[in-house]
Amino acid sequence: MSDRATWHKSKKAREFFQNNKYWLQILLFPPATPDRNPTEYCWKTTREELTSIKSFKNIKVLKEELDEFWEKHVFTHKMSHYLKW
């Protein structure tokens, strides 16, 4: 699922798709609809519970804490809310 962010259209992303297109299907979210993008829900939760309430010594520490948060946190939202029927 792609929300049309610039990094989803990067050369590296296009190469990944080309190398995996036999099993990978891209579904595009409508433009300007963060409420339909489950990734936005995950980022919002991460900001509210981690990054907006804490300072990080450096990028390495930030990455470590993000990995730890995402490993332990269970995101509870229904994917069906994001699909257009």
Protein backbone atom coordinates (compact mmCIF):
# COMPACT_ATOMS: atom_id res chain seq x y z
CA MET A 1 0.00 0.00 0.00
CA SER A 2 1.45 3.33 -1.00
CA ASP A 3 0.40 6.80 0.05
CA ARG A 4 2.33 8.41 -2.82
CA ALA A 5 5.03 9.78 -0.55
CA THR A 6 8.13 10.79 -2.49
CA TRP A 7 10.22 7.97 -1.00
CA HIS A 8 7.71 5.43 -2.34
CA LYS A 9 8.54 6.71 -5.83
CA SER A 10 12.30 6.71 -5.35
CA LYS A 11 14.68 4.81 -7.60
CA LYS A 12 15.32 2.29 -4.83
CA ALA A 13 11.57 1.70 -4.31
CA ARG A 14 10.96 1.31 -8.06
CA GLU A 15 13.84 -1.19 -8.29
CA PHE A 16 12.43 -3.15 -5.35
CA PHE A 17 9.03 -3.30 -7.05
CA GLN A 18 10.55 -4.39 -10.36
CA ASN A 19 12.52 -7.15 -8.63
CA ASN A 20 9.46 -8.38 -6.70
CA LYS A 21 6.52 -7.62 -8.97
CA TYR A 22 5.80 -11.33 -9.48
CA TRP A 23 4.38 -11.47 -5.92
CA LEU A 24 3.98 -7.81 -4.94
CA GLN A 25 0.94 -5.72 -5.75
CA ILE A 26 0.80 -1.96 -5.16
CA LEU A 27 -2.40 -0.43 -3.86
CA LEU A 28 -2.48 3.36 -3.92
CA PHE A 29 -4.24 5.41 -1.29
CA PRO A 30 -6.23 8.36 -2.62
CA PRO A 31 -4.23 11.60 -2.40
CA ALA A 32 -4.64 13.79 0.69
CA THR A 33 -6.44 11.14 2.76
CA PRO A 34 -4.28 10.37 5.80
CA ASP A 35 -7.39 9.13 7.61
CA ARG A 36 -7.48 6.18 5.18
CA ASN A 37 -3.82 5.31 5.63
CA PRO A 38 -3.08 2.85 8.47
CA THR A 39 0.58 3.89 8.49
CA GLU A 40 -0.48 7.39 9.54
CA TYR A 41 -2.24 5.87 12.56
CA CYS A 42 1.00 4.10 13.54
CA TRP A 43 3.06 7.30 13.13
CA LYS A 44 0.51 9.29 15.15
CA THR A 45 0.68 6.76 17.99
CA THR A 46 4.48 6.75 17.85
CA ARG A 47 4.59 10.56 18.03
CA GLU A 48 2.10 10.73 20.90
CA GLU A 49 3.67 7.96 22.99
CA LEU A 50 7.37 8.37 22.23
CA THR A 51 8.90 11.03 20.02
CA SER A 52 6.95 14.09 21.16
CA ILE A 53 7.53 13.49 24.87
CA LYS A 54 11.23 12.67 24.86
CA SER A 55 14.55 14.00 23.59
CA PHE A 56 17.09 11.70 22.00
CA LYS A 57 20.84 11.99 22.37
CA ASN A 58 21.49 11.18 18.70
CA ILE A 59 20.04 9.40 15.66
CA LYS A 60 21.37 6.03 16.79
CA VAL A 61 19.50 6.29 20.11
CA LEU A 62 16.34 7.45 18.31
CA LYS A 63 16.46 4.45 15.97
CA GLU A 64 17.04 2.06 18.87
CA GLU A 65 14.10 3.47 20.82
CA LEU A 66 11.85 3.40 17.77
CA ASP A 67 12.76 -0.24 17.13
CA GLU A 68 12.06 -1.10 20.76
CA PHE A 69 8.74 0.79 20.76
CA TRP A 70 7.53 -0.84 17.54
CA GLU A 71 8.62 -4.28 18.70
CA LYS A 72 6.61 -4.00 21.94
CA HIS A 73 3.65 -1.91 20.83
CA VAL A 74 0.54 -3.53 19.42
CA PHE A 75 -1.32 -1.29 17.00
CA THR A 76 -5.01 -2.02 17.34
CA HIS A 77 -6.96 -0.77 14.40
CA LYS A 78 -9.06 -2.53 11.83
CA MET A 79 -7.58 -2.62 8.35
CA SER A 80 -11.08 -2.82 6.89
CA HIS A 81 -11.62 0.80 7.95
CA TYR A 82 -9.08 1.81 5.32
CA LEU A 83 -10.51 -0.08 2.38
CA LYS A 84 -13.00 1.40 0.00
CA TRP A 85 -15.77 -1.06 -0.80
